[in-house]
Amino acid sequence: MDKMKKDFSPTLLDFGPLQIRLARHFGFCYGVENAIEIAFRTVAENPGKRIYLLSEMIHNPQVNADLRSHGIEFLQDTYGRQLIPFDQLTADDVVMIPAFGTTLEIEKQLNEIGIQTEKYNTTCPFVEKVWNRSEAIAKKDYSIIIHGKPKHEETRATFSHAAGSAPSVVVEDMKQAVSLAGYITGEKPAATFYEEFAGQYSGGFDISKDLERIGVVNQTTMLASDTQAIADYLKKVMMEKYHLQEAVAGERFADTRDTLCYATLDNQTAVSGMLDVPADFALVVGGYNSSNTSHLVELCEERLPTYFIGSSDNIISEKEIIHYDFHHKMETVIHDYLPAKQPVSILITSGASCPDALVEGIIRKLAGYFQVEFSADEMIEQFS
């Protein structure tokens, strides 16, 4: 009904004593749906063959467990540590590239074994769009600044592709962007760059000349507003250093805002729309190591009590809920999370790698704690 995706107000599920507002956009994005579809098609097309995923398809334990149950094995963990050595692979094996993509180095290794990675490559089109944009501005002699988490699979892949075309450096947040600006302006001694950004710059990076023309791209699951803020800040730094007016800023700073992922942006904007409605607390559903999900938690935490949960199993009872504190990487049991009043108002959203069935399971479980006016099945029928 909202074909242009301009309405970001939440959907109200009115159970009477329980009021649930579901973010207008949540859950699986196109890239994730496409990757999972390719994975199961690969299994169906290759009976009897050994089938591997380079690493986790997406950051969701239920989805990855489902893939394993269909006989798919993982070659690496989420940090790139080897689980199954590449030297155990043969040209007859099938290896799928996950939605995050992979590095040029790993792709070359697999190709040398005789494995056709392009046939079963599930890399998200929006990740590939970032790579293509990086290559395009590299040809115009811009260096690439990547906003992302240095150890994240997608950032490692994007860094590899960018570094293949141009000098590249990863900045994790605005704090690192401000620090990088100190080297652009010359306020910080060049020699300290290599220590401060160790492991985050491409081979042969020359701090004396490789920051004279730059463009910013991102890990697509980062907060779009953070990426834009970093880009705007670094653009201002370049304009001030080289005394440029807005009309000619492109001489030193490439416009890359078209690389922001629409799905990530829609989910984040929908959370902002959801937060405009008063509520008792928010539930954010997704894998604990999911970057985009943790950013949705951050947005909600700024406004009201927020619980980060993986599935309905986290809801122990109407008295206790298991919340994942991603800041400290630990689960904690929260007591009396449901307020002793009616109606109880709850906001719910989920990350781009979270199946809708998990959200439905949570809604059903919560509804079971109330004398609701409509069953979950009746509510589903109402919105069908």
Foldseek 3Di string as FASTA:
>chain_A
DCVVLPDLAFDWLCQFQAIETETPAFAADPLQVQLLVLLVVVLVVDPPAQEEEQEQLAQAVVSSVVSVVSRYYYQAYQQRHGPNDPVVDALRHAYEYHQLGAAPVVVVSCVVRNYDHVVRYSHGVLLVVLLVVLLVVLVVVAEEEEADDLRGRNNNRSQRSNLVRAKYFYDDFLVSLVVLLCLVLVVDPPVCVCVVRPSGIHPPDDSVPNQQAHEYDYSQLAALVRSVVSLVVVLVSNCVSVVHDPVVSNVRYPDDSVSHDPSLNSQQVSLVSHLVDDAAEEEEEGRLPHSNSVVSQVVRVVRHHYFYYHALVQCVDCFWGWGQDSVVRDIDIDGNSFPPDGNHYYYYHYHNNHDVVRVLRNVQRVSVNDPTPDHSVRSVVVVD
